[in-house]
Amino acid sequence: MRKNSWWWWVSLGAMLGAFAYGLVRVPSRSHELARAQEFPAPYRAAKPIVFVPEDPESLIAAEPSAEVPTLVEASDAKIEIRVKALAREMADMWTRNPEELVVVIDDAARSMPSAPSVTLLLAIAHAETNGKILDVSEAGAVGLAQATPVAYHQEGLDGKLFVTKDYLIGSRAYIMKKPLGDADTIATLIVDRENAATRKKARRLLRSAKELRREGIDELELLDPYASKKYYDEIDRADEHNRAALKKLEKLIDHGSRAELRSFRDDVRKEYRALKETQLMTWARYQKELIAKRDRMLEQHFRMDAATVKKTMAYEASEYLGEHLDDRFSAKSMARFLVRHLDRKTAEARKLAPSEKDVERMTAALYNGGSHNVKRMLAGLIRSLPETEKYMRKVPATRRRLDGVIAGEMRTLR
């Protein structure tokens, strides 16, 4: 075949096309594999959180560099420059009222000598609400730091809170359903595949379930100012019921048949789902009631529709609502809460993280998912926490990005 024939040119074009397609497909397939590892399929075995870098930037140490001081350590002139630089960066991240957010968090950090880095505090605040400081979540969390009434009281704050019967009932159902969920998970192992290995794994998971059975009950005691004796009597009854359920499961693992375990599993699953429905229904009513009260008060006080107030004067509105409705709406109070609560979660993370370099990501996981969920995931009782796993990657990445802004300003000022 002569080189100048049209067949030769067609063949050459086909070879080049195949080569180019291969170059495109290789990265695409790698991306698919990476996503498969990041989001395990439902049928994969449960496993604890694994701290795998999401990208090359994640290889940077989790803790802030000693060469990047916090705003607390800088002079007033440098603070003003860095606040503006951080606010510009936060604006690029689609943050509502970025300069006000940076200022209120910086003020809170400066009031506490042991405060975490300002960039980490901002990263948490950004992950929680993107600066929408008057938000109310479906779990009854409110404000800049998305604090629940339980978490608020954990930090010793004593402002006015809006707590209803619906919130109390939902919180009780949220905590008391967890041991039943553990029992369901463990029994299902043997129901799905009965052999010596699954029974051995079930015994191991049951030990963890027993250790974690009362996890979170002490938090419900913080609701005492709003709850009755009957409320706590019901918690005691549910706790005893959960203890008995795990004890029965232990006997079934040792001596029960597969059919008996299936019957047990179906019973506890029905109870678990009923409690979860109660949790979701009551918390949804609480959220709706608090949002309606928030908006009604804003319109009455500011003489304009609530949406306009939230968009144009959120920080002024936050202090009004914090004083007259719920202190969790106050940006100043929530910034102080964020400093204290993040410090608490960091201390918890040091006990759970596999190494010091993983403390920041574990702190983020605990802030988002709560210790009762994260501990269950580490033990293998919960297969995955997708939102929490995403959160624990996002927060350190945002903190590094903001650290980079401060480092850039330092180089400019030298």
Protein backbone atom coordinates (compact mmCIF):
# COMPACT_ATOMS: atom_id res chain seq x y z
CA MET A 1 0.00 0.00 0.00
CA ARG A 2 1.43 3.37 -0.98
CA LYS A 3 1.78 6.02 1.75
CA ASN A 4 -0.02 8.62 -0.34
CA SER A 5 -3.13 6.43 -0.81
CA TRP A 6 -6.30 7.38 1.04
CA TRP A 7 -6.36 3.98 2.78
CA TRP A 8 -3.07 4.79 4.47
CA TRP A 9 -4.45 8.06 5.85
CA VAL A 10 -7.62 6.35 7.12
CA SER A 11 -5.56 3.70 8.94
CA LEU A 12 -3.30 6.30 10.51
CA GLY A 13 -6.31 8.33 11.68
CA ALA A 14 -7.92 5.25 13.25
CA MET A 15 -4.73 4.40 15.20
CA LEU A 16 -4.36 7.96 16.49
CA GLY A 17 -8.03 8.04 17.50
CA ALA A 18 -7.74 4.79 19.43
CA PHE A 19 -4.65 6.08 21.23
CA ALA A 20 -6.39 9.34 22.20
CA TYR A 21 -9.47 7.45 23.43
CA GLY A 22 -7.23 5.35 25.64
CA LEU A 23 -5.69 8.46 27.17
CA VAL A 24 -9.16 9.78 27.99
CA ARG A 25 -10.52 6.53 29.37
CA VAL A 26 -7.64 5.71 31.74
CA PRO A 27 -8.15 8.75 34.02
CA SER A 28 -11.92 8.28 33.79
CA ARG A 29 -11.69 4.67 34.95
CA SER A 30 -9.31 5.68 37.76
CA HIS A 31 -11.87 8.26 38.84
CA GLU A 32 -14.61 5.63 38.87
CA LEU A 33 -12.45 3.31 40.99
CA ALA A 34 -11.67 6.14 43.40
CA ARG A 35 -15.37 6.90 43.82
CA ALA A 36 -16.13 3.24 44.39
CA GLN A 37 -13.62 3.21 47.25
CA GLU A 38 -14.88 6.52 48.63
CA PHE A 39 -18.53 5.46 48.67
CA PRO A 40 -18.69 1.71 49.44
CA ALA A 41 -21.54 -0.25 47.90
CA PRO A 42 -24.25 -1.40 50.34
CA TYR A 43 -23.24 -5.05 50.16
CA ARG A 44 -19.64 -4.45 51.23
CA ALA A 45 -18.58 -5.39 54.74
CA ALA A 46 -18.74 -2.70 57.39
CA LYS A 47 -15.41 -1.09 58.17
CA PRO A 48 -14.15 1.73 60.37
CA ILE A 49 -13.31 5.19 59.09
CA VAL A 50 -10.12 5.06 57.05
CA PHE A 51 -8.17 8.30 56.73
CA VAL A 52 -7.19 8.22 53.06
CA PRO A 53 -6.11 11.47 51.36
CA GLU A 54 -8.72 12.63 48.84
CA ASP A 55 -6.19 14.51 46.73
CA PRO A 56 -2.47 15.48 46.80
CA GLU A 57 -3.29 18.57 48.86
CA SER A 58 -4.61 16.30 51.61
CA LEU A 59 -1.08 15.08 52.25
CA ILE A 60 -0.36 18.42 53.95
CA ALA A 61 -0.25 18.04 57.75
CA ALA A 62 -3.65 18.42 59.35
CA GLU A 63 -2.56 20.87 62.03
CA PRO A 64 -1.96 24.55 61.12
CA SER A 65 1.63 25.43 60.37
CA ALA A 66 3.60 27.10 63.14
CA GLU A 67 4.57 29.70 60.53
CA VAL A 68 0.93 30.76 60.13
CA PRO A 69 -0.12 32.52 63.37
CA THR A 70 -3.80 32.93 64.18
CA LEU A 71 -5.38 36.36 64.05
CA VAL A 72 -5.19 36.41 67.83
CA GLU A 73 -1.40 36.58 67.71
CA ALA A 74 -1.22 39.45 65.21
CA SER A 75 -1.22 43.23 65.64
CA ASP A 76 -4.47 45.19 65.14
CA ALA A 77 -3.34 46.49 61.73
CA LYS A 78 -2.45 43.01 60.51
CA ILE A 79 -5.70 41.62 61.90
CA GLU A 80 -7.72 44.09 59.82
CA ILE A 81 -5.82 43.14 56.67
CA ARG A 82 -6.20 39.42 57.30
CA VAL A 83 -9.89 39.71 58.19
CA LYS A 84 -10.51 41.32 54.81
CA ALA A 85 -8.39 38.70 53.04
CA LEU A 86 -10.25 35.84 54.75
CA ALA A 87 -13.58 37.51 54.03
CA ARG A 88 -12.71 37.76 50.32
CA GLU A 89 -11.82 34.07 50.27
CA MET A 90 -14.99 33.13 52.14
CA ALA A 91 -16.99 35.18 49.62
CA ASP A 92 -15.42 33.14 46.82
CA MET A 93 -16.76 30.06 48.64
CA TRP A 94 -20.33 31.40 48.41
CA THR A 95 -20.51 32.40 52.07
CA ARG A 96 -23.29 34.73 53.20
CA ASN A 97 -22.05 37.95 54.92
CA PRO A 98 -18.40 36.74 54.97
CA GLU A 99 -16.79 39.74 56.67
CA GLU A 100 -19.30 39.72 59.54
CA LEU A 101 -18.71 35.98 59.96
CA VAL A 102 -14.93 36.37 60.12
CA VAL A 103 -15.15 39.25 62.60
CA VAL A 104 -17.56 37.54 65.01
CA ILE A 105 -15.51 34.32 65.06
CA ASP A 106 -12.23 36.21 65.45
CA ASP A 107 -13.68 38.15 68.40
CA ALA A 108 -14.77 34.91 70.08
CA ALA A 109 -11.40 33.26 69.49
CA ARG A 110 -9.54 36.23 70.94
CA SER A 111 -11.62 36.04 74.11
CA MET A 112 -10.34 32.51 74.81
CA PRO A 113 -6.54 31.96 74.95
CA SER A 114 -6.85 28.23 74.24
CA ALA A 115 -9.14 28.68 71.21
CA PRO A 116 -8.56 26.57 68.10
CA SER A 117 -7.18 28.33 65.03
CA VAL A 118 -9.49 30.91 63.49
CA THR A 119 -9.22 29.15 60.15
CA LEU A 120 -10.47 25.88 61.64
CA LEU A 121 -13.36 27.68 63.35
CA LEU A 122 -14.27 29.31 60.04
CA ALA A 123 -14.04 25.99 58.24
CA ILE A 124 -16.57 24.46 60.66
CA ALA A 125 -18.88 27.47 60.42
CA HIS A 126 -18.72 27.35 56.63
CA ALA A 127 -19.47 23.62 56.58
CA GLU A 128 -22.44 24.10 58.91
CA THR A 129 -24.37 26.92 57.22
CA ASN A 130 -22.27 28.75 54.60
CA GLY A 131 -22.88 31.83 56.70
CA LYS A 132 -26.69 31.49 56.85
CA ILE A 133 -26.65 32.13 60.57
CA LEU A 134 -30.43 32.09 61.12
CA ASP A 135 -30.94 28.56 59.77
CA VAL A 136 -32.83 25.84 61.68
CA SER A 137 -32.01 22.23 60.74
CA GLU A 138 -34.30 19.20 60.65
CA ALA A 139 -32.53 17.98 63.83
CA GLY A 140 -33.39 21.13 65.76
CA ALA A 141 -29.92 22.66 65.40
CA VAL A 142 -29.85 26.45 65.17
CA GLY A 143 -27.55 29.27 64.13
CA LEU A 144 -24.00 29.88 63.03
CA ALA A 145 -22.64 26.75 64.73
CA GLN A 146 -25.84 24.68 64.36
CA ALA A 147 -26.13 23.98 68.08
CA THR A 148 -28.81 21.73 69.53
CA PRO A 149 -30.28 22.49 72.98
CA VAL A 150 -28.29 19.52 74.35
CA ALA A 151 -24.97 20.74 72.92
CA TYR A 152 -25.73 24.30 74.04
CA HIS A 153 -26.10 23.16 77.66
CA GLN A 154 -23.01 20.95 77.37
CA GLU A 155 -20.95 24.13 77.07
CA GLY A 156 -22.48 25.71 80.16
CA LEU A 157 -24.35 28.46 78.31
CA ASP A 158 -27.51 29.68 80.03
CA GLY A 159 -29.38 31.90 77.61
CA LYS A 160 -33.00 31.61 76.56
CA LEU A 161 -33.88 28.50 74.52
CA PHE A 162 -36.98 27.50 72.60
CA VAL A 163 -37.57 23.85 73.59
CA THR A 164 -40.89 22.08 73.05
CA LYS A 165 -42.38 18.70 73.86
CA ASP A 166 -41.76 17.67 70.24
CA TYR A 167 -38.04 18.34 70.57
CA LEU A 168 -37.87 16.35 73.81
CA ILE A 169 -39.70 13.34 72.39
CA GLY A 170 -37.61 13.36 69.20
CA SER A 171 -34.36 13.55 71.14
CA ARG A 172 -35.35 10.62 73.34
CA ALA A 173 -36.33 8.50 70.34
CA TYR A 174 -33.06 9.43 68.56
CA ILE A 175 -30.89 8.13 71.41
CA MET A 176 -32.97 5.20 72.62
CA LYS A 177 -33.40 3.63 69.17
CA LYS A 178 -29.67 3.13 68.63
CA PRO A 179 -29.16 -0.11 70.63
CA LEU A 180 -32.10 -1.61 68.72
CA GLY A 181 -30.40 -0.65 65.48
CA ASP A 182 -27.25 -2.36 66.73
CA ALA A 183 -29.22 -5.52 67.54
CA ASP A 184 -30.74 -5.47 64.05
CA THR A 185 -27.30 -5.14 62.43
CA ILE A 186 -25.79 -7.97 64.47
CA ALA A 187 -28.68 -10.41 64.03
CA THR A 188 -28.80 -9.74 60.29
CA LEU A 189 -25.22 -10.98 59.96
CA ILE A 190 -26.29 -14.51 60.89
CA VAL A 191 -29.69 -14.31 59.18
CA ASP A 192 -27.96 -13.47 55.90
CA ARG A 193 -25.20 -16.06 56.22
CA GLU A 194 -24.98 -18.52 59.07
CA ASN A 195 -21.58 -20.02 59.79
CA ALA A 196 -18.97 -20.06 62.54
CA ALA A 197 -17.30 -16.92 61.19
CA THR A 198 -20.44 -14.79 61.22
CA ARG A 199 -21.36 -15.93 64.73
CA LYS A 200 -17.86 -15.02 65.90
CA LYS A 201 -18.16 -11.59 64.28
CA ALA A 202 -21.62 -11.16 65.81
CA ARG A 203 -20.19 -11.82 69.31
CA ARG A 204 -17.48 -9.21 68.72
CA LEU A 205 -20.01 -6.61 67.57
CA LEU A 206 -22.29 -7.44 70.47
CA ARG A 207 -19.51 -6.59 72.92
CA SER A 208 -19.26 -3.15 71.30
CA ALA A 209 -23.05 -2.74 71.32
CA LYS A 210 -23.14 -3.45 75.06
CA GLU A 211 -20.39 -0.90 75.72
CA LEU A 212 -22.22 1.74 73.67
CA ARG A 213 -25.75 0.96 74.88
CA ARG A 214 -26.01 4.01 77.18
CA GLU A 215 -24.01 6.34 74.92
CA GLY A 216 -25.91 9.64 74.72
CA ILE A 217 -28.28 9.03 77.64
CA ASP A 218 -26.25 11.38 79.82
CA GLU A 219 -26.82 14.07 77.19
CA LEU A 220 -30.59 13.73 77.60
CA GLU A 221 -30.13 14.64 81.27
CA LEU A 222 -29.16 18.14 80.10
CA LEU A 223 -32.78 18.63 79.03
CA ASP A 224 -33.91 18.47 82.65
CA PRO A 225 -35.00 22.16 82.77
CA TYR A 226 -37.66 21.40 80.14
CA ALA A 227 -38.64 17.78 80.90
CA SER A 228 -40.78 16.04 83.50
CA LYS A 229 -40.07 13.06 85.74
CA LYS A 230 -42.28 10.98 83.43
CA TYR A 231 -39.92 11.81 80.55
CA TYR A 232 -36.95 10.32 82.40
CA ASP A 233 -38.97 7.37 83.67
CA GLU A 234 -39.61 6.50 80.03
CA ILE A 235 -35.88 6.75 79.29
CA ASP A 236 -35.16 4.32 82.14
CA ARG A 237 -37.80 1.92 80.81
CA ALA A 238 -36.39 2.08 77.28
CA ASP A 239 -32.85 1.58 78.57
CA GLU A 240 -33.87 -1.55 80.45
CA HIS A 241 -35.70 -2.81 77.36
CA ASN A 242 -32.56 -2.29 75.27
CA ARG A 243 -30.44 -4.11 77.85
CA ALA A 244 -32.83 -7.06 77.78
CA ALA A 245 -32.83 -7.10 73.97
CA LEU A 246 -29.03 -7.30 73.79
CA LYS A 247 -29.02 -10.01 76.48
CA LYS A 248 -31.53 -12.05 74.49
CA LEU A 249 -29.43 -11.55 71.36
CA GLU A 250 -26.40 -12.92 73.19
CA LYS A 251 -28.28 -16.14 73.99
CA LEU A 252 -29.50 -16.46 70.41
CA ILE A 253 -25.99 -16.01 69.01
CA ASP A 254 -24.74 -18.80 71.28
CA HIS A 255 -27.63 -21.25 70.98
CA GLY A 256 -30.40 -19.86 68.75
CA SER A 257 -31.37 -21.10 65.31
CA ARG A 258 -31.31 -18.96 62.20
CA ALA A 259 -35.13 -18.84 62.24
CA GLU A 260 -35.16 -17.61 65.85
CA LEU A 261 -32.63 -14.91 65.01
CA ARG A 262 -34.74 -13.83 62.04
CA SER A 263 -37.81 -13.50 64.25
CA PHE A 264 -35.79 -11.50 66.82
CA ARG A 265 -34.33 -9.30 64.08
CA ASP A 266 -37.76 -8.54 62.62
CA ASP A 267 -39.09 -7.55 66.05
CA VAL A 268 -36.25 -5.16 66.94
CA ARG A 269 -36.28 -3.72 63.41
CA LYS A 270 -39.97 -2.89 63.78
CA GLU A 271 -39.29 -1.15 67.11
CA TYR A 272 -36.30 0.71 65.68
CA ARG A 273 -38.27 2.00 62.70
CA ALA A 274 -41.16 3.11 64.90
CA LEU A 275 -38.77 5.15 67.06
CA LYS A 276 -37.09 6.62 64.00
CA GLU A 277 -40.46 7.67 62.60
CA THR A 278 -41.25 9.32 65.93
CA GLN A 279 -37.90 11.13 65.87
CA LEU A 280 -38.35 12.44 62.34
CA MET A 281 -41.98 13.44 62.81
CA THR A 282 -41.51 15.30 66.10
CA TRP A 283 -38.31 17.05 65.06
CA ALA A 284 -39.96 18.15 61.80
CA ARG A 285 -42.80 19.72 63.80
CA TYR A 286 -40.27 21.42 66.10
CA GLN A 287 -38.31 22.80 63.13
CA LYS A 288 -41.48 24.09 61.46
CA GLU A 289 -42.72 25.73 64.67
CA LEU A 290 -39.40 27.43 65.42
CA ILE A 291 -39.01 28.72 61.83
CA ALA A 292 -42.55 30.11 61.88
CA LYS A 293 -41.96 31.84 65.22
CA ARG A 294 -38.60 33.21 63.99
CA ASP A 295 -40.09 34.68 60.83
CA ARG A 296 -43.13 36.11 62.59
CA MET A 297 -40.95 37.89 65.16
CA LEU A 298 -38.64 39.28 62.47
CA GLU A 299 -41.54 40.71 60.49
CA GLN A 300 -43.16 42.26 63.55
CA HIS A 301 -39.94 43.82 64.81
CA PHE A 302 -38.31 45.00 61.56
CA ARG A 303 -41.52 45.82 59.68
CA MET A 304 -40.48 43.94 56.54
CA ASP A 305 -40.77 40.41 55.26
CA ALA A 306 -38.54 37.84 56.96
CA ALA A 307 -36.67 36.86 53.78
CA THR A 308 -35.48 40.47 53.31
CA VAL A 309 -34.39 40.75 56.94
CA LYS A 310 -32.38 37.50 56.73
CA LYS A 311 -30.72 38.64 53.53
CA THR A 312 -29.92 42.27 54.38
CA MET A 313 -29.51 42.47 58.17
CA ALA A 314 -28.89 38.94 59.40
CA TYR A 315 -26.44 39.84 62.16
CA GLU A 316 -28.64 42.54 63.65
CA ALA A 317 -31.59 40.14 63.47
CA SER A 318 -29.53 37.40 65.09
CA GLU A 319 -28.98 39.42 68.25
CA TYR A 320 -32.64 40.38 68.46
CA LEU A 321 -33.74 36.76 68.12
CA GLY A 322 -31.03 35.62 70.52
CA GLU A 323 -32.41 37.90 73.21
CA HIS A 324 -36.13 37.39 72.64
CA LEU A 325 -36.54 33.87 71.18
CA ASP A 326 -33.51 31.56 71.39
CA ASP A 327 -29.89 32.41 72.22
CA ARG A 328 -28.71 30.02 69.52
CA PHE A 329 -29.76 32.57 66.90
CA SER A 330 -27.22 35.08 68.30
CA ALA A 331 -24.09 35.11 66.14
CA LYS A 332 -22.00 36.26 69.09
CA SER A 333 -23.26 33.51 71.38
CA MET A 334 -22.82 30.86 68.69
CA ALA A 335 -19.26 31.98 67.95
CA ARG A 336 -18.42 31.52 71.64
CA PHE A 337 -20.21 28.18 71.62
CA LEU A 338 -18.26 27.10 68.54
CA VAL A 339 -14.93 27.80 70.24
CA ARG A 340 -15.89 25.79 73.33
CA HIS A 341 -17.59 22.92 71.52
CA LEU A 342 -14.77 22.49 69.01
CA ASP A 343 -12.33 22.33 71.90
CA ARG A 344 -14.48 19.58 73.48
CA LYS A 345 -14.65 17.62 70.22
CA THR A 346 -10.88 17.91 69.74
CA ALA A 347 -10.31 16.36 73.18
CA GLU A 348 -12.70 13.50 72.26
CA ALA A 349 -10.98 13.07 68.90
CA ARG A 350 -7.57 12.57 70.50
CA LYS A 351 -8.96 9.47 72.23
CA LEU A 352 -10.39 8.01 69.00
CA ALA A 353 -8.08 9.08 66.17
CA PRO A 354 -5.50 6.50 65.05
CA SER A 355 -2.73 9.14 65.14
CA GLU A 356 -2.17 12.82 65.88
CA LYS A 357 -2.31 13.74 62.20
CA ASP A 358 -5.85 12.36 62.06
CA VAL A 359 -7.17 14.40 65.01
CA GLU A 360 -8.53 17.27 62.92
CA ARG A 361 -10.52 15.00 60.64
CA MET A 362 -11.83 13.02 63.58
CA THR A 363 -12.78 16.30 65.30
CA ALA A 364 -14.81 17.26 62.25
CA ALA A 365 -16.46 13.83 62.20
CA LEU A 366 -17.46 14.13 65.86
CA TYR A 367 -18.78 17.67 65.40
CA ASN A 368 -20.98 16.55 62.54
CA GLY A 369 -21.94 12.98 63.43
CA GLY A 370 -21.81 12.93 67.21
CA SER A 371 -19.79 10.51 69.33
CA HIS A 372 -22.61 7.93 69.51
CA ASN A 373 -22.60 7.56 65.72
CA VAL A 374 -18.86 7.84 65.09
CA LYS A 375 -18.01 5.30 67.81
CA ARG A 376 -20.51 2.87 66.29
CA MET A 377 -18.98 3.33 62.87
CA LEU A 378 -15.50 2.71 64.21
CA ALA A 379 -16.77 -0.46 65.90
CA GLY A 380 -18.42 -1.67 62.68
CA LEU A 381 -22.00 -1.34 63.96
CA ILE A 382 -22.79 1.35 61.38
CA ARG A 383 -21.75 0.62 57.80
CA SER A 384 -21.11 4.22 56.77
CA LEU A 385 -21.93 7.84 57.54
CA PRO A 386 -21.72 9.47 54.07
CA GLU A 387 -22.48 13.02 55.23
CA THR A 388 -19.99 12.79 58.10
CA GLU A 389 -17.28 11.28 55.91
CA LYS A 390 -17.75 14.12 53.42
CA TYR A 391 -17.66 16.65 56.26
CA MET A 392 -14.40 15.27 57.65
CA ARG A 393 -12.74 15.81 54.28
CA LYS A 394 -14.28 19.21 53.62
CA VAL A 395 -13.34 20.88 56.92
CA PRO A 396 -9.55 20.25 56.80
CA ALA A 397 -9.49 21.18 53.10
CA THR A 398 -11.24 24.49 53.82
CA ARG A 399 -8.97 25.18 56.78
CA ARG A 400 -5.87 24.61 54.61
CA ARG A 401 -7.27 26.94 51.96
CA LEU A 402 -7.77 29.68 54.55
CA ASP A 403 -4.34 29.04 56.07
CA GLY A 404 -2.95 29.63 52.59
CA VAL A 405 -4.66 33.02 52.48
CA ILE A 406 -3.08 34.07 55.79
CA ALA A 407 0.33 32.79 54.67
CA GLY A 408 0.02 34.81 51.46
CA GLU A 409 -0.82 37.96 53.42
CA MET A 410 2.21 37.40 55.67
CA ARG A 411 4.51 37.20 52.65
CA THR A 412 2.97 40.42 51.30
CA LEU A 413 3.47 42.25 54.58
CA ARG A 414 7.13 41.32 54.97
